[in-house]
Structure formats: structure tokens, C-alpha cells
C-alpha atoms as a PDB file:
ATOM      1  CA  MET A   1     -78.167-120.939  37.696  1.00  0.00           C
ATOM      2  CA  ASN A   2     -79.560-124.411  38.388  1.00  0.00           C
ATOM      3  CA  LEU A   3     -80.893-123.676  41.867  1.00  0.00           C
ATOM      4  CA  THR A   4     -82.777-126.962  42.252  1.00  0.00           C
ATOM      5  CA  TYR A   5     -79.540-128.951  41.919  1.00  0.00           C
ATOM      6  CA  ILE A   6     -77.672-126.759  44.400  1.00  0.00           C
ATOM      7  CA  ILE A   7     -80.553-126.671  46.896  1.00  0.00           C
ATOM      8  CA  GLY A   8     -81.085-130.418  46.665  1.00  0.00           C
ATOM      9  CA  VAL A   9     -77.430-131.353  47.259  1.00  0.00           C
ATOM     10  CA  VAL A  10     -76.936-128.807  50.038  1.00  0.00           C
ATOM     11  CA  LEU A  11     -80.198-129.862  51.713  1.00  0.00           C
ATOM     12  CA  ALA A  12     -79.159-133.529  51.592  1.00  0.00           C
ATOM     13  CA  PHE A  13     -75.880-132.760  53.382  1.00  0.00           C
ATOM     14  CA  VAL A  14     -77.591-130.472  55.909  1.00  0.00           C
ATOM     15  CA  VAL A  15     -80.156-133.145  56.807  1.00  0.00           C
ATOM     16  CA  PHE A  16     -77.375-135.752  57.012  1.00  0.00           C
ATOM     17  CA  PHE A  17     -75.229-133.693  59.384  1.00  0.00           C
ATOM     18  CA  LEU A  18     -78.222-132.662  61.490  1.00  0.00           C
ATOM     19  CA  GLY A  19     -79.145-136.303  61.817  1.00  0.00           C
ATOM     20  CA  ILE A  20     -75.647-136.945  63.176  1.00  0.00           C
ATOM     21  CA  ILE A  21     -75.422-134.138  65.722  1.00  0.00           C
ATOM     22  CA  LEU A  22     -79.049-133.977  66.890  1.00  0.00           C
ATOM     23  CA  GLY A  23     -80.416-136.257  69.565  1.00  0.00           C
ATOM     24  CA  ILE A  24     -84.231-136.197  69.525  1.00  0.00           C
ATOM     25  CA  ASN A  25     -85.864-137.617  72.636  1.00  0.00           C
ATOM     26  CA  ILE A  26     -89.572-138.197  72.050  1.00  0.00           C
ATOM     27  CA  GLY A  27     -91.783-140.911  73.441  1.00  0.00           C
ATOM     28  CA  PRO A  28     -93.413-142.223  76.626  1.00  0.00           C
ATOM     29  CA  ASN A  29     -90.204-143.839  77.904  1.00  0.00           C
ATOM     30  CA  VAL A  30     -88.105-140.659  77.912  1.00  0.00           C
ATOM     31  CA  ALA A  31     -86.851-139.890  81.419  1.00  0.00           C
ATOM     32  CA  GLU A  32     -88.200-136.798  83.118  1.00  0.00           C
ATOM     33  CA  GLY A  33     -85.962-133.761  82.790  1.00  0.00           C
ATOM     34  CA  VAL A  34     -84.285-134.968  79.597  1.00  0.00           C
ATOM     35  CA  LYS A  35     -84.176-132.379  76.847  1.00  0.00           C
ATOM     36  CA  MET A  36     -86.351-133.074  73.830  1.00  0.00           C
ATOM     37  CA  VAL A  37     -83.527-132.051  71.445  1.00  0.00           C
ATOM     38  CA  GLU A  38     -79.832-132.327  72.254  1.00  0.00           C
ATOM     39  CA  VAL A  39     -76.972-131.130  70.043  1.00  0.00           C
ATOM     40  CA  ASN A  40     -73.803-133.217  70.126  1.00  0.00           C
ATOM     41  CA  VAL A  41     -71.347-131.735  67.634  1.00  0.00           C
ATOM     42  CA  GLU A  42     -68.640-134.128  68.774  1.00  0.00           C
ATOM     43  CA  ASN A  43     -70.649-136.931  67.133  1.00  0.00           C
ATOM     44  CA  LEU A  44     -69.263-135.741  63.791  1.00  0.00           C
ATOM     45  CA  TRP A  45     -65.901-137.285  64.657  1.00  0.00           C
ATOM     46  CA  ASN A  46     -67.574-140.674  64.924  1.00  0.00           C
ATOM     47  CA  PHE A  47     -68.250-140.468  61.191  1.00  0.00           C
ATOM     48  CA  PHE A  48     -64.734-139.490  60.158  1.00  0.00           C
ATOM     49  CA  ASP A  49     -62.298-142.228  59.261  1.00  0.00           C
ATOM     50  CA  ALA A  50     -59.260-141.466  57.102  1.00  0.00           C
ATOM     51  CA  ALA A  51     -58.785-145.065  55.999  1.00  0.00           C
ATOM     52  CA  SER A  52     -62.411-145.279  54.822  1.00  0.00           C
ATOM     53  CA  ILE A  53     -62.120-142.042  52.853  1.00  0.00           C
ATOM     54  CA  PHE A  54     -58.912-143.252  51.254  1.00  0.00           C
ATOM     55  CA  ILE A  55     -60.419-146.604  50.222  1.00  0.00           C
ATOM     56  CA  VAL A  56     -63.758-145.371  48.872  1.00  0.00           C
ATOM     57  CA  ILE A  57     -62.785-142.109  47.191  1.00  0.00           C
ATOM     58  CA  GLY A  58     -59.354-143.280  46.056  1.00  0.00           C
ATOM     59  CA  CYS A  59     -60.525-146.566  44.538  1.00  0.00           C
ATOM     60  CA  THR A  60     -63.618-144.991  42.954  1.00  0.00           C
ATOM     61  CA  MET A  61     -61.546-142.296  41.240  1.00  0.00           C
ATOM     62  CA  ALA A  62     -58.985-144.872  40.128  1.00  0.00           C
ATOM     63  CA  ILE A  63     -61.613-147.072  38.467  1.00  0.00           C
ATOM     64  CA  VAL A  64     -63.192-144.075  36.740  1.00  0.00           C
ATOM     65  CA  VAL A  65     -59.774-143.072  35.384  1.00  0.00           C
ATOM     66  CA  ALA A  66     -59.190-146.647  34.210  1.00  0.00           C
ATOM     67  CA  SER A  67     -62.610-146.825  32.515  1.00  0.00           C
ATOM     68  CA  PHE A  68     -62.611-143.637  30.421  1.00  0.00           C
ATOM     69  CA  PRO A  69     -60.215-141.886  28.023  1.00  0.00           C
ATOM     70  CA  GLY A  70     -58.381-138.730  29.003  1.00  0.00           C
ATOM     71  CA  LYS A  71     -60.572-136.602  26.734  1.00  0.00           C
ATOM     72  CA  THR A  72     -63.704-137.536  28.682  1.00  0.00           C
ATOM     73  CA  LEU A  73     -61.971-137.087  32.034  1.00  0.00           C
ATOM     74  CA  GLY A  74     -60.659-133.683  30.974  1.00  0.00           C
ATOM     75  CA  SER A  75     -64.235-132.502  30.360  1.00  0.00           C
ATOM     76  CA  ILE A  76     -65.282-132.964  33.999  1.00  0.00           C
ATOM     77  CA  PRO A  77     -64.958-129.224  34.881  1.00  0.00           C
ATOM     78  CA  LYS A  78     -67.060-128.409  31.818  1.00  0.00           C
ATOM     79  CA  HIS A  79     -69.757-130.825  33.012  1.00  0.00           C
ATOM     80  CA  PHE A  80     -70.277-128.831  36.194  1.00  0.00           C
ATOM     81  CA  GLY A  81     -70.662-125.642  34.189  1.00  0.00           C
ATOM     82  CA  ILE A  82     -73.308-127.338  32.055  1.00  0.00           C
ATOM     83  CA  ILE A  83     -75.432-128.647  34.913  1.00  0.00           C
ATOM     84  CA  LEU A  84     -75.308-125.333  36.792  1.00  0.00           C
ATOM     85  CA  ASN A  85     -76.540-123.357  33.762  1.00  0.00           C
ATOM     86  CA  ALA A  86     -80.262-124.110  33.765  1.00  0.00           C
ATOM     87  CA  LYS A  87     -81.192-121.603  31.011  1.00  0.00           C
ATOM     88  CA  LYS A  88     -78.553-122.431  28.450  1.00  0.00           C
ATOM     89  CA  PHE A  89     -80.950-123.808  25.856  1.00  0.00           C
ATOM     90  CA  ASP A  90     -84.056-121.719  25.191  1.00  0.00           C
ATOM     91  CA  PRO A  91     -86.302-123.097  22.410  1.00  0.00           C
ATOM     92  CA  MET A  92     -88.192-119.785  22.109  1.00  0.00           C
ATOM     93  CA  TYR A  93     -84.994-118.012  21.074  1.00  0.00           C
ATOM     94  CA  PHE A  94     -84.506-120.402  18.158  1.00  0.00           C
ATOM     95  CA  ILE A  95     -88.183-120.250  17.161  1.00  0.00           C
ATOM     96  CA  ASP A  96     -88.007-116.450  16.962  1.00  0.00           C
ATOM     97  CA  GLN A  97     -84.776-116.630  14.967  1.00  0.00           C
ATOM     98  CA  LEU A  98     -86.205-119.167  12.520  1.00  0.00           C
ATOM     99  CA  VAL A  99     -89.335-117.105  11.924  1.00  0.00           C
ATOM    100  CA  GLU A 100     -87.173-114.072  11.156  1.00  0.00           C
ATOM    101  CA  LEU A 101     -85.106-116.174   8.754  1.00  0.00           C
ATOM    102  CA  ALA A 102     -88.295-117.383   7.054  1.00  0.00           C
ATOM    103  CA  GLN A 103     -89.441-113.781   6.569  1.00  0.00           C
ATOM    104  CA  THR A 104     -86.063-112.801   5.105  1.00  0.00           C
ATOM    105  CA  ALA A 105     -86.016-115.813   2.784  1.00  0.00           C
ATOM    106  CA  ARG A 106     -89.505-115.061   1.426  1.00  0.00           C
ATOM    107  CA  LYS A 107     -88.549-111.471   0.665  1.00  0.00           C
ATOM    108  CA  ASN A 108     -84.984-111.864  -0.627  1.00  0.00           C
ATOM    109  CA  GLY A 109     -84.456-115.565  -1.313  1.00  0.00           C
ATOM    110  CA  LEU A 110     -82.382-118.245   0.420  1.00  0.00           C
ATOM    111  CA  LEU A 111     -79.051-116.705  -0.631  1.00  0.00           C
ATOM    112  CA  SER A 112     -79.813-113.690   1.559  1.00  0.00           C
ATOM    113  CA  LEU A 113     -79.546-115.942   4.630  1.00  0.00           C
ATOM    114  CA  GLU A 114     -75.775-116.288   4.304  1.00  0.00           C
ATOM    115  CA  GLU A 115     -75.214-113.045   6.156  1.00  0.00           C
ATOM    116  CA  LYS A 116     -77.621-114.182   8.889  1.00  0.00           C
ATOM    117  CA  ALA A 117     -75.717-117.449   9.171  1.00  0.00           C
ATOM    118  CA  ASN A 118     -72.456-115.637   9.887  1.00  0.00           C
ATOM    119  CA  GLU A 119     -74.153-113.794  12.758  1.00  0.00           C
ATOM    120  CA  GLN A 120     -75.009-117.029  14.573  1.00  0.00           C
ATOM    121  CA  SER A 121     -72.869-118.083  17.544  1.00  0.00           C
ATOM    122  CA  ASP A 122     -74.354-121.593  17.586  1.00  0.00           C
ATOM    123  CA  PRO A 123     -72.287-123.752  15.176  1.00  0.00           C
ATOM    124  CA  PHE A 124     -75.159-126.150  14.520  1.00  0.00           C
ATOM    125  CA  PHE A 125     -77.560-123.316  13.649  1.00  0.00           C
ATOM    126  CA  LYS A 126     -74.981-121.747  11.346  1.00  0.00           C
ATOM    127  CA  GLN A 127     -74.315-125.076   9.626  1.00  0.00           C
ATOM    128  CA  ALA A 128     -78.031-125.674   9.119  1.00  0.00           C
ATOM    129  CA  ILE A 129     -78.532-122.274   7.459  1.00  0.00           C
ATOM    130  CA  MET A 130     -75.516-122.714   5.182  1.00  0.00           C
ATOM    131  CA  LEU A 131     -76.753-126.122   4.035  1.00  0.00           C
ATOM    132  CA  ILE A 132     -79.882-124.577   2.530  1.00  0.00           C
ATOM    133  CA  VAL A 133     -78.033-121.496   1.280  1.00  0.00           C
ATOM    134  CA  ASP A 134     -75.786-123.851  -0.721  1.00  0.00           C
ATOM    135  CA  ALA A 135     -78.905-125.359  -2.346  1.00  0.00           C
ATOM    136  CA  ASN A 136     -78.371-128.884  -1.043  1.00  0.00           C
ATOM    137  CA  ASP A 137     -80.996-131.547  -1.546  1.00  0.00           C
ATOM    138  CA  PRO A 138     -83.594-131.443   1.302  1.00  0.00           C
ATOM    139  CA  ASP A 139     -83.061-135.129   2.119  1.00  0.00           C
ATOM    140  CA  LYS A 140     -79.329-134.538   2.385  1.00  0.00           C
ATOM    141  CA  VAL A 141     -79.837-131.505   4.623  1.00  0.00           C
ATOM    142  CA  ARG A 142     -82.071-133.433   6.998  1.00  0.00           C
ATOM    143  CA  ALA A 143     -79.749-136.456   7.034  1.00  0.00           C
ATOM    144  CA  VAL A 144     -76.682-134.354   7.864  1.00  0.00           C
ATOM    145  CA  LEU A 145     -78.394-132.434  10.656  1.00  0.00           C
ATOM    146  CA  GLU A 146     -80.072-135.463  12.221  1.00  0.00           C
ATOM    147  CA  ASN A 147     -76.796-137.393  12.159  1.00  0.00           C
ATOM    148  CA  ASP A 148     -75.143-134.447  13.921  1.00  0.00           C
ATOM    149  CA  ILE A 149     -77.799-134.597  16.653  1.00  0.00           C
ATOM    150  CA  GLU A 150     -77.405-138.344  17.112  1.00  0.00           C
ATOM    151  CA  CYS A 151     -73.616-138.102  17.406  1.00  0.00           C
ATOM    152  CA  MET A 152     -73.896-135.208  19.856  1.00  0.00           C
ATOM    153  CA  SER A 153     -76.349-137.114  22.028  1.00  0.00           C
ATOM    154  CA  ALA A 154     -74.036-140.139  22.001  1.00  0.00           C
ATOM    155  CA  ARG A 155     -71.167-137.979  23.262  1.00  0.00           C
ATOM    156  CA  HIS A 156     -73.371-136.592  25.996  1.00  0.00           C
ATOM    157  CA  GLU A 157     -74.372-140.104  27.021  1.00  0.00           C
ATOM    158  CA  ASP A 158     -70.693-141.014  27.318  1.00  0.00           C
ATOM    159  CA  ALA A 159     -70.231-138.077  29.700  1.00  0.00           C
ATOM    160  CA  ALA A 160     -73.217-139.136  31.826  1.00  0.00           C
ATOM    161  CA  ALA A 161     -71.926-142.726  31.796  1.00  0.00           C
ATOM    162  CA  LEU A 162     -68.796-141.529  33.614  1.00  0.00           C
ATOM    163  CA  TYR A 163     -70.892-140.529  36.628  1.00  0.00           C
ATOM    164  CA  ASP A 164     -73.035-143.645  36.324  1.00  0.00           C
ATOM    165  CA  LYS A 165     -69.833-145.668  36.586  1.00  0.00           C
ATOM    166  CA  ALA A 166     -68.691-143.721  39.643  1.00  0.00           C
ATOM    167  CA  SER A 167     -72.149-144.089  41.176  1.00  0.00           C
ATOM    168  CA  SER A 168     -72.047-147.867  40.733  1.00  0.00           C
ATOM    169  CA  VAL A 169     -68.508-148.504  41.977  1.00  0.00           C
ATOM    170  CA  ALA A 170     -68.611-146.203  45.036  1.00  0.00           C
ATOM    171  CA  PRO A 171     -70.994-148.463  47.031  1.00  0.00           C
ATOM    172  CA  ALA A 172     -68.989-151.475  45.851  1.00  0.00           C
ATOM    173  CA  PHE A 173     -65.814-150.063  47.321  1.00  0.00           C
ATOM    174  CA  GLY A 174     -67.814-149.165  50.403  1.00  0.00           C
ATOM    175  CA  MET A 175     -68.400-152.890  50.790  1.00  0.00           C
ATOM    176  CA  VAL A 176     -64.703-153.542  50.098  1.00  0.00           C
ATOM    177  CA  GLY A 177     -63.849-151.195  52.953  1.00  0.00           C
ATOM    178  CA  THR A 178     -66.337-153.045  55.129  1.00  0.00           C
ATOM    179  CA  LEU A 179     -64.559-156.310  54.368  1.00  0.00           C
ATOM    180  CA  VAL A 180     -61.188-154.727  55.135  1.00  0.00           C
ATOM    181  CA  GLY A 181     -62.450-153.562  58.523  1.00  0.00           C
ATOM    182  CA  LEU A 182     -63.980-156.943  59.348  1.00  0.00           C
ATOM    183  CA  ILE A 183     -60.836-158.802  58.342  1.00  0.00           C
ATOM    184  CA  ASN A 184     -58.693-156.562  60.527  1.00  0.00           C
ATOM    185  CA  MET A 185     -61.129-156.986  63.394  1.00  0.00           C
ATOM    186  CA  LEU A 186     -61.101-160.783  63.151  1.00  0.00           C
ATOM    187  CA  ASN A 187     -57.310-160.947  62.845  1.00  0.00           C
ATOM    188  CA  ASN A 188     -56.938-158.854  65.997  1.00  0.00           C
ATOM    189  CA  MET A 189     -59.361-161.002  67.977  1.00  0.00           C
ATOM    190  CA  THR A 190     -56.727-163.545  69.020  1.00  0.00           C
ATOM    191  CA  VAL A 191     -56.600-165.371  72.313  1.00  0.00           C
ATOM    192  CA  GLY A 192     -54.634-163.316  74.801  1.00  0.00           C
ATOM    193  CA  GLY A 193     -54.196-160.467  72.287  1.00  0.00           C
ATOM    194  CA  ASP A 194     -55.290-156.879  72.479  1.00  0.00           C
ATOM    195  CA  GLY A 195     -58.049-157.263  69.882  1.00  0.00           C
ATOM    196  CA  ALA A 196     -60.612-155.726  72.204  1.00  0.00           C
ATOM    197  CA  SER A 197     -58.763-152.396  72.162  1.00  0.00           C
ATOM    198  CA  SER A 198     -58.915-152.115  68.370  1.00  0.00           C
ATOM    199  CA  LEU A 199     -62.363-153.653  67.976  1.00  0.00           C
ATOM    200  CA  GLY A 200     -64.167-150.295  67.880  1.00  0.00           C
ATOM    201  CA  LYS A 201     -61.776-148.775  65.349  1.00  0.00           C
ATOM    202  CA  ASP A 202     -61.942-151.789  63.024  1.00  0.00           C
ATOM    203  CA  MET A 203     -65.739-151.926  63.215  1.00  0.00           C
ATOM    204  CA  GLY A 204     -65.891-148.192  62.559  1.00  0.00           C
ATOM    205  CA  THR A 205     -63.849-148.592  59.377  1.00  0.00           C
ATOM    206  CA  ALA A 206     -66.022-151.539  58.363  1.00  0.00           C
ATOM    207  CA  LEU A 207     -69.291-149.613  58.643  1.00  0.00           C
ATOM    208  CA  ILE A 208     -68.293-146.070  57.681  1.00  0.00           C
ATOM    209  CA  THR A 209     -66.912-147.105  54.287  1.00  0.00           C
ATOM    210  CA  THR A 210     -70.375-148.331  53.283  1.00  0.00           C
ATOM    211  CA  LEU A 211     -71.800-144.986  54.398  1.00  0.00           C
ATOM    212  CA  TYR A 212     -69.255-143.044  52.336  1.00  0.00           C
ATOM    213  CA  GLY A 213     -70.004-145.177  49.285  1.00  0.00           C
ATOM    214  CA  CYS A 214     -73.726-144.445  49.526  1.00  0.00           C
ATOM    215  CA  ILE A 215     -73.127-140.711  49.948  1.00  0.00           C
ATOM    216  CA  LEU A 216     -70.874-140.536  46.891  1.00  0.00           C
ATOM    217  CA  ALA A 217     -73.286-142.565  44.763  1.00  0.00           C
ATOM    218  CA  HIS A 218     -76.600-140.963  45.665  1.00  0.00           C
ATOM    219  CA  ILE A 219     -75.749-137.395  46.689  1.00  0.00           C
ATOM    220  CA  ILE A 220     -72.755-136.613  44.461  1.00  0.00           C
ATOM    221  CA  PHE A 221     -72.580-138.714  41.294  1.00  0.00           C
ATOM    222  CA  GLY A 222     -76.231-139.688  40.723  1.00  0.00           C
ATOM    223  CA  PRO A 223     -77.636-136.129  40.476  1.00  0.00           C
ATOM    224  CA  ILE A 224     -74.781-135.069  38.164  1.00  0.00           C
ATOM    225  CA  ALA A 225     -75.542-137.866  35.691  1.00  0.00           C
ATOM    226  CA  ASN A 226     -79.253-137.083  35.774  1.00  0.00           C
ATOM    227  CA  ASN A 227     -78.702-133.354  35.218  1.00  0.00           C
ATOM    228  CA  LEU A 228     -76.386-134.014  32.279  1.00  0.00           C
ATOM    229  CA  ARG A 229     -79.105-136.093  30.629  1.00  0.00           C
ATOM    230  CA  ILE A 230     -81.637-133.318  31.241  1.00  0.00           C
ATOM    231  CA  ARG A 231     -79.321-130.796  29.556  1.00  0.00           C
ATOM    232  CA  ASP A 232     -78.895-133.214  26.658  1.00  0.00           C
ATOM    233  CA  SER A 233     -82.654-133.484  26.176  1.00  0.00           C
ATOM    234  CA  GLU A 234     -82.952-129.674  26.241  1.00  0.00           C
ATOM    235  CA  GLU A 235     -80.229-129.263  23.618  1.00  0.00           C
ATOM    236  CA  VAL A 236     -81.679-132.029  21.444  1.00  0.00           C
ATOM    237  CA  LEU A 237     -85.077-130.293  21.559  1.00  0.00           C
ATOM    238  CA  CYS A 238     -83.548-126.989  20.396  1.00  0.00           C
ATOM    239  CA  LYS A 239     -81.714-128.703  17.564  1.00  0.00           C
ATOM    240  CA  GLU A 240     -84.819-130.596  16.478  1.00  0.00           C
ATOM    241  CA  ILE A 241     -86.610-127.246  16.299  1.00  0.00           C
ATOM    242  CA  ILE A 242     -83.761-125.905  14.157  1.00  0.00           C
ATOM    243  CA  VAL A 243     -83.963-128.887  11.799  1.00  0.00           C
ATOM    244  CA  GLU A 244     -87.721-128.598  11.363  1.00  0.00           C
ATOM    245  CA  GLY A 245     -87.511-124.846  10.921  1.00  0.00           C
ATOM    246  CA  ILE A 246     -84.698-125.004   8.382  1.00  0.00           C
ATOM    247  CA  MET A 247     -86.498-127.640   6.330  1.00  0.00           C
ATOM    248  CA  SER A 248     -89.662-125.508   6.335  1.00  0.00           C
ATOM    249  CA  ILE A 249     -87.722-122.411   5.271  1.00  0.00           C
ATOM    250  CA  GLN A 250     -86.149-124.353   2.414  1.00  0.00           C
ATOM    251  CA  SER A 251     -89.593-125.452   1.234  1.00  0.00           C
ATOM    252  CA  GLY A 252     -90.835-121.845   1.341  1.00  0.00           C
ATOM    253  CA  GLU A 253     -93.328-122.218   4.170  1.00  0.00           C
ATOM    254  CA  ASN A 254     -95.229-119.179   5.428  1.00  0.00           C
ATOM    255  CA  PRO A 255     -93.519-117.627   8.513  1.00  0.00           C
ATOM    256  CA  LYS A 256     -96.766-117.558  10.509  1.00  0.00           C
ATOM    257  CA  THR A 257     -97.453-121.209   9.758  1.00  0.00           C
ATOM    258  CA  LEU A 258     -93.849-121.998  10.636  1.00  0.00           C
ATOM    259  CA  ARG A 259     -94.178-120.359  14.055  1.00  0.00           C
ATOM    260  CA  GLU A 260     -97.364-122.306  14.803  1.00  0.00           C
ATOM    261  CA  LYS A 261     -95.651-125.535  13.820  1.00  0.00           C
ATOM    262  CA  LEU A 262     -92.522-124.905  15.896  1.00  0.00           C
ATOM    263  CA  LEU A 263     -94.512-123.833  18.954  1.00  0.00           C
ATOM    264  CA  THR A 264     -95.878-127.361  19.187  1.00  0.00           C
ATOM    265  CA  TYR A 265     -92.414-128.394  20.408  1.00  0.00           C
ATOM    266  CA  VAL A 266     -92.653-126.316  23.585  1.00  0.00           C
ATOM    267  CA  ASP A 267     -94.873-126.230  26.636  1.00  0.00           C
ATOM    268  CA  GLN A 268     -98.062-124.148  26.513  1.00  0.00           C
ATOM    269  CA  LYS A 269     -96.757-121.813  29.232  1.00  0.00           C
ATOM    270  CA  GLN A 270     -93.725-120.927  27.105  1.00  0.00           C
ATOM    271  CA  ARG A 271     -95.857-119.914  24.135  1.00  0.00           C
ATOM    272  CA  GLY A 272     -97.383-116.815  25.721  1.00  0.00           C
ATOM    273  CA  GLU A 273    -101.026-116.036  26.341  1.00  0.00           C
ATOM    274  CA  ASP A 274    -101.767-115.562  22.660  1.00  0.00           C
ATOM    275  CA  GLY A 275     -99.951-118.733  21.689  1.00  0.00           C
ATOM    276  CA  GLY A 276     -97.561-116.705  19.580  1.00  0.00           C
ATOM    277  CA  GLY A 277     -94.590-116.965  21.886  1.00  0.00           C
ATOM    278  CA  LYS A 278     -92.278-114.259  23.071  1.00  0.00           C
ATOM    279  CA  LYS A 279     -88.662-113.407  22.631  1.00  0.00           C
ATOM    280  CA  GLY A 280     -86.411-115.977  24.200  1.00  0.00           C
ATOM    281  CA  LYS A 281     -82.913-115.677  25.501  1.00  0.00           C
ATOM    282  CA  LYS A 282     -79.987-116.558  23.353  1.00  0.00           C
ATOM    283  CA  GLY A 283     -79.067-120.242  23.344  1.00  0.00           C
ATOM    284  CA  GLY A 284     -75.736-121.838  22.753  1.00  0.00           C
ATOM    285  CA  GLU A 285     -73.528-124.897  22.944  1.00  0.00           C
END
């Protein structure tokens, strides 16, 4: 579970709502007898405006739908599962697996790895093993695997771009809502009219829409895009380890030397006290 994402978003909303309902009276000019902290829950209603919600959220979602194909939009639920799973890609798992494959290949030859390939749940890992089992040229093996990584990363960038788009248009439609409120306010301020009675409502719509746009952009959409890119970098790292390991196995490299080489891809803390690493958890797509 990605606790930092959940804690950060929840904490942002908690601080925001506390800032609305709390009145903090500190300073030399505070009247005697006034409480230092006052709680005014009814202030929350000052920040609720149905028209503002409709403009900002509705228009933002509409532009996102207009900007991306249905396939990308249909993957939105999957995106949340990805960002909440912080331990999906464990490089130590793949390093341990590759070292075992290297030991098997040195004892029984590359053809013996076919059975190991069928045991893999990761399609990329299975493909990589089968490429060397089929005795493909090393340059071809590397080219195929690296192209797979590049295409995968491009798809992930498209997914993150969806939230970047939402993050950029939400404040824009916040400003649109502000203009709508100001226009209504000015039209109602006619000589002899009742513009004064609707002045507060129109100004509220004008200002709150900007607030909603900022919340959507910086608390909702921005962190999602950033977390998707972090997951992409983690998956790319695991696949780069697979590529390097597979190429070393094909060339007949010593398993111990292979482990030392692959451990350079991970942080010192992940390698274990002896630098030899430890069993990692199973990775996956």
C-alpha cells in the first residue's frame, strides 16, 4: 500500500478544512475574553457552490474525455490500483531469479531454461528467457527487449499525460467560472435593480470556482500523475535488470559475477549487509 500518497492527500484535505472552520485569534490587538481558537463548522457552507462544482468538474472531465481515446480513459481504475501498490516492482526478486537462471544454464545449458520460462508470471521476463532459449542473436535479443521497454514507457507516459491535462485545465475552468460569476454580478448591478441582493452569491461563484480548480489540479490530479511516473521508473528499472541479466546468461557469465553486476542497479540498503542481496518479493506487471 502506498501510504505516503494516501497520507499526503488526506492531510492536505484535513488542513484545508481545518483552515476553513478554525478561527485563530492571536496577536496584541485581540480583544480580552476572546477565545484563542474558535470552531465554526457552518463556515463550510461558505465554500460550497453547486454552480462552481458543475463548471469546474464538469468542464474538466469533458475536456479530458475529448482529449484522449476510450482505451486510455477506460484504464483510469487501473491507474489507481497501480499508484496504491507501492511494492509491485521489486528489483531484488528479479536479481535472485536471474542468478538462479544463470546457475541452471551453466549446469544444463540454455535449453533447460524453457521450463523456468513457463513458470514466470511476468510476460516480459518470460519473453526474455525464451529469446535466448531459441538461440537468437544477442544483438537481436537486446534490440527486441529494449524496444519493448521504450514502448511500455511511452504508454505509461500517455497515462500520466491524462492527469497532466486535467491538472492544467482545472485551474483554467476555475478562471472561467470566475468570469461567469463576475459577468452575472455586473449584469445584475443595474440602476434601480436588485443587484445588491445577488451580489454576494455572484461573487461567491466567481471566487470559489478558482479555489475548486486549484484543489483539483494540485491535490487530486498532480499527485496521481507524479505517482504514475514513479511506478514507470520502478518498472523500467526491473526490466533493465532483466535485460542485462538475460544478456549475461546468454554469454555464459558466472552467476556470482552476474549478481554483483546486477546489484549495482539498486540502492546499497537493498543489497543487504554483505552486499549479496536478499530474497525479494515477487514482481509483476
